[in-house]
Amino acid sequence: MTDNHNSDPEWVKQISQDVEVEDFDKNKKLIRELFLEYIAEGLPPMHAYKKAKKVAAVFDNGG
């Protein structure tokens, strides 16, 4: 794995940053499922990812 992220799309950079700084494990399955569903519906990747995170946050009980 390289450290050169300059050529990555913006949505890949965002996911990478979130995984590093957030407790991503709690909702990652839901986020992944929603992300793939939104991609299938035709949303751009970054929009689909942000929307999936927002929806998953609604279901996060804080613990």
N, C-alpha and C. Protein backbone atom coordinates (compact mmCIF):
# COMPACT_ATOMS: atom_id res chain seq x y z
N MET A 1 0.84 -1.17 0.00
CA MET A 1 0.00 0.00 0.00
C MET A 1 0.88 1.23 0.00
N THR A 2 0.58 2.18 -0.85
CA THR A 2 1.41 3.37 -0.94
C THR A 2 0.80 4.51 -0.15
N ASP A 3 1.63 5.50 0.11
CA ASP A 3 1.17 6.69 0.81
C ASP A 3 0.80 7.80 -0.16
N ASN A 4 0.87 7.54 -1.45
CA ASN A 4 0.56 8.55 -2.45
C ASN A 4 -0.94 8.54 -2.73
N HIS A 5 -1.64 9.45 -2.10
CA HIS A 5 -3.10 9.54 -2.29
C HIS A 5 -3.48 10.71 -3.18
N ASN A 6 -2.52 11.36 -3.79
CA ASN A 6 -2.81 12.53 -4.60
C ASN A 6 -3.68 12.21 -5.80
N SER A 7 -3.58 11.02 -6.34
CA SER A 7 -4.35 10.69 -7.53
C SER A 7 -5.68 10.02 -7.20
N ASP A 8 -5.95 9.79 -5.92
CA ASP A 8 -7.22 9.17 -5.53
C ASP A 8 -8.37 10.15 -5.71
N PRO A 9 -9.55 9.63 -6.08
CA PRO A 9 -10.72 10.51 -6.14
C PRO A 9 -11.04 11.06 -4.75
N GLU A 10 -11.74 12.17 -4.71
CA GLU A 10 -12.04 12.84 -3.45
C GLU A 10 -12.81 11.92 -2.50
N TRP A 11 -13.72 11.11 -3.01
CA TRP A 11 -14.51 10.25 -2.13
C TRP A 11 -13.65 9.17 -1.48
N VAL A 12 -12.61 8.72 -2.16
CA VAL A 12 -11.69 7.73 -1.59
C VAL A 12 -10.87 8.38 -0.47
N LYS A 13 -10.43 9.61 -0.70
CA LYS A 13 -9.69 10.33 0.33
C LYS A 13 -10.56 10.52 1.58
N GLN A 14 -11.84 10.86 1.38
CA GLN A 14 -12.74 11.09 2.51
C GLN A 14 -12.94 9.81 3.33
N ILE A 15 -13.16 8.71 2.65
CA ILE A 15 -13.34 7.43 3.36
C ILE A 15 -12.07 7.08 4.12
N SER A 16 -10.92 7.27 3.50
CA SER A 16 -9.65 6.98 4.15
C SER A 16 -9.47 7.81 5.41
N GLN A 17 -9.79 9.07 5.34
CA GLN A 17 -9.68 9.94 6.52
C GLN A 17 -10.64 9.49 7.61
N ASP A 18 -11.86 9.16 7.25
CA ASP A 18 -12.86 8.75 8.24
C ASP A 18 -12.45 7.47 8.95
N VAL A 19 -11.91 6.54 8.21
CA VAL A 19 -11.49 5.28 8.81
C VAL A 19 -10.37 5.52 9.82
N GLU A 20 -9.52 6.48 9.55
CA GLU A 20 -8.40 6.77 10.44
C GLU A 20 -8.84 7.50 11.71
N VAL A 21 -9.86 8.35 11.64
CA VAL A 21 -10.18 9.21 12.78
C VAL A 21 -11.46 8.85 13.50
N GLU A 22 -12.32 8.06 12.94
CA GLU A 22 -13.59 7.74 13.56
C GLU A 22 -13.65 6.28 13.99
N ASP A 23 -14.60 5.98 14.86
CA ASP A 23 -14.85 4.59 15.24
C ASP A 23 -15.72 4.00 14.13
N PHE A 24 -15.07 3.66 13.05
CA PHE A 24 -15.75 3.25 11.82
C PHE A 24 -16.35 1.86 11.95
N ASP A 25 -15.83 1.01 12.84
CA ASP A 25 -16.28 -0.37 12.93
C ASP A 25 -17.74 -0.51 13.35
N LYS A 26 -18.23 0.39 14.17
CA LYS A 26 -19.58 0.25 14.70
C LYS A 26 -20.64 0.18 13.60
N ASN A 27 -20.51 1.03 12.63
CA ASN A 27 -21.54 1.13 11.59
C ASN A 27 -21.05 0.76 10.20
N LYS A 28 -19.85 0.18 10.11
CA LYS A 28 -19.29 0.01 8.77
C LYS A 28 -20.13 -0.91 7.88
N LYS A 29 -20.76 -1.93 8.43
CA LYS A 29 -21.58 -2.80 7.60
C LYS A 29 -22.78 -2.04 7.05
N LEU A 30 -23.45 -1.27 7.89
CA LEU A 30 -24.59 -0.49 7.44
C LEU A 30 -24.16 0.56 6.43
N ILE A 31 -23.06 1.25 6.71
CA ILE A 31 -22.56 2.26 5.79
C ILE A 31 -22.23 1.64 4.44
N ARG A 32 -21.58 0.49 4.47
CA ARG A 32 -21.21 -0.19 3.22
C ARG A 32 -22.45 -0.57 2.42
N GLU A 33 -23.44 -1.15 3.11
CA GLU A 33 -24.67 -1.56 2.42
C GLU A 33 -25.40 -0.36 1.82
N LEU A 34 -25.52 0.70 2.61
CA LEU A 34 -26.20 1.90 2.11
C LEU A 34 -25.42 2.53 0.97
N PHE A 35 -24.10 2.60 1.11
CA PHE A 35 -23.26 3.16 0.06
C PHE A 35 -23.47 2.43 -1.26
N LEU A 36 -23.42 1.10 -1.20
CA LEU A 36 -23.61 0.32 -2.43
C LEU A 36 -25.01 0.50 -3.01
N GLU A 37 -26.00 0.60 -2.14
CA GLU A 37 -27.37 0.82 -2.60
C GLU A 37 -27.49 2.18 -3.30
N TYR A 38 -26.90 3.21 -2.70
CA TYR A 38 -26.97 4.54 -3.29
C TYR A 38 -26.19 4.62 -4.60
N ILE A 39 -25.07 3.91 -4.67
CA ILE A 39 -24.31 3.85 -5.93
C ILE A 39 -25.17 3.19 -7.01
N ALA A 40 -25.84 2.12 -6.65
CA ALA A 40 -26.71 1.41 -7.61
C ALA A 40 -27.85 2.30 -8.08
N GLU A 41 -28.28 3.23 -7.21
CA GLU A 41 -29.34 4.15 -7.58
C GLU A 41 -28.83 5.29 -8.46
N GLY A 42 -27.52 5.37 -8.62
CA GLY A 42 -26.94 6.36 -9.52
C GLY A 42 -26.34 7.59 -8.86
N LEU A 43 -26.26 7.60 -7.53
CA LEU A 43 -25.64 8.75 -6.86
C LEU A 43 -24.13 8.74 -7.09
N PRO A 44 -23.52 9.92 -7.17
CA PRO A 44 -22.06 9.97 -7.26
C PRO A 44 -21.45 9.39 -5.98
N PRO A 45 -20.29 8.77 -6.06
CA PRO A 45 -19.70 8.08 -4.90
C PRO A 45 -19.59 8.94 -3.64
N MET A 46 -19.10 10.16 -3.74
CA MET A 46 -18.93 10.99 -2.54
C MET A 46 -20.28 11.30 -1.92
N HIS A 47 -21.26 11.63 -2.72
CA HIS A 47 -22.61 11.91 -2.22
C HIS A 47 -23.20 10.67 -1.58
N ALA A 48 -23.03 9.52 -2.21
CA ALA A 48 -23.54 8.26 -1.68
C ALA A 48 -22.91 7.94 -0.33
N TYR A 49 -21.61 8.19 -0.20
CA TYR A 49 -20.91 7.91 1.05
C TYR A 49 -21.39 8.83 2.17
N LYS A 50 -21.49 10.12 1.88
CA LYS A 50 -21.94 11.07 2.90
C LYS A 50 -23.37 10.76 3.34
N LYS A 51 -24.22 10.42 2.39
CA LYS A 51 -25.61 10.08 2.71
C LYS A 51 -25.66 8.81 3.56
N ALA A 52 -24.86 7.81 3.22
CA ALA A 52 -24.82 6.56 3.99
C ALA A 52 -24.36 6.82 5.42
N LYS A 53 -23.35 7.70 5.59
CA LYS A 53 -22.87 8.03 6.93
C LYS A 53 -23.96 8.72 7.75
N LYS A 54 -24.70 9.63 7.12
CA LYS A 54 -25.76 10.34 7.84
C LYS A 54 -26.86 9.38 8.28
N VAL A 55 -27.25 8.49 7.39
CA VAL A 55 -28.31 7.54 7.73
C VAL A 55 -27.83 6.59 8.82
N ALA A 56 -26.60 6.10 8.72
CA ALA A 56 -26.07 5.20 9.74
C ALA A 56 -25.97 5.88 11.10
N ALA A 57 -25.67 7.18 11.10
CA ALA A 57 -25.56 7.92 12.36
C ALA A 57 -26.90 7.97 13.10
N VAL A 58 -27.99 7.95 12.37
CA VAL A 58 -29.32 7.95 12.99
C VAL A 58 -29.52 6.69 13.82
N PHE A 59 -28.93 5.59 13.37
CA PHE A 59 -29.11 4.32 14.05
C PHE A 59 -28.04 4.04 15.11
N ASP A 60 -27.08 4.95 15.24
CA ASP A 60 -26.03 4.78 16.24
C ASP A 60 -26.58 5.17 17.61
N ASN A 61 -26.55 4.23 18.55
CA ASN A 61 -27.08 4.46 19.89
C ASN A 61 -26.09 5.19 20.78
N GLY A 62 -24.95 5.54 20.27
CA GLY A 62 -23.95 6.19 21.08
C GLY A 62 -23.14 5.24 21.93
N GLY A 63 -23.20 3.98 21.60
CA GLY A 63 -22.43 3.07 22.42
C GLY A 63 -22.35 1.78 21.78
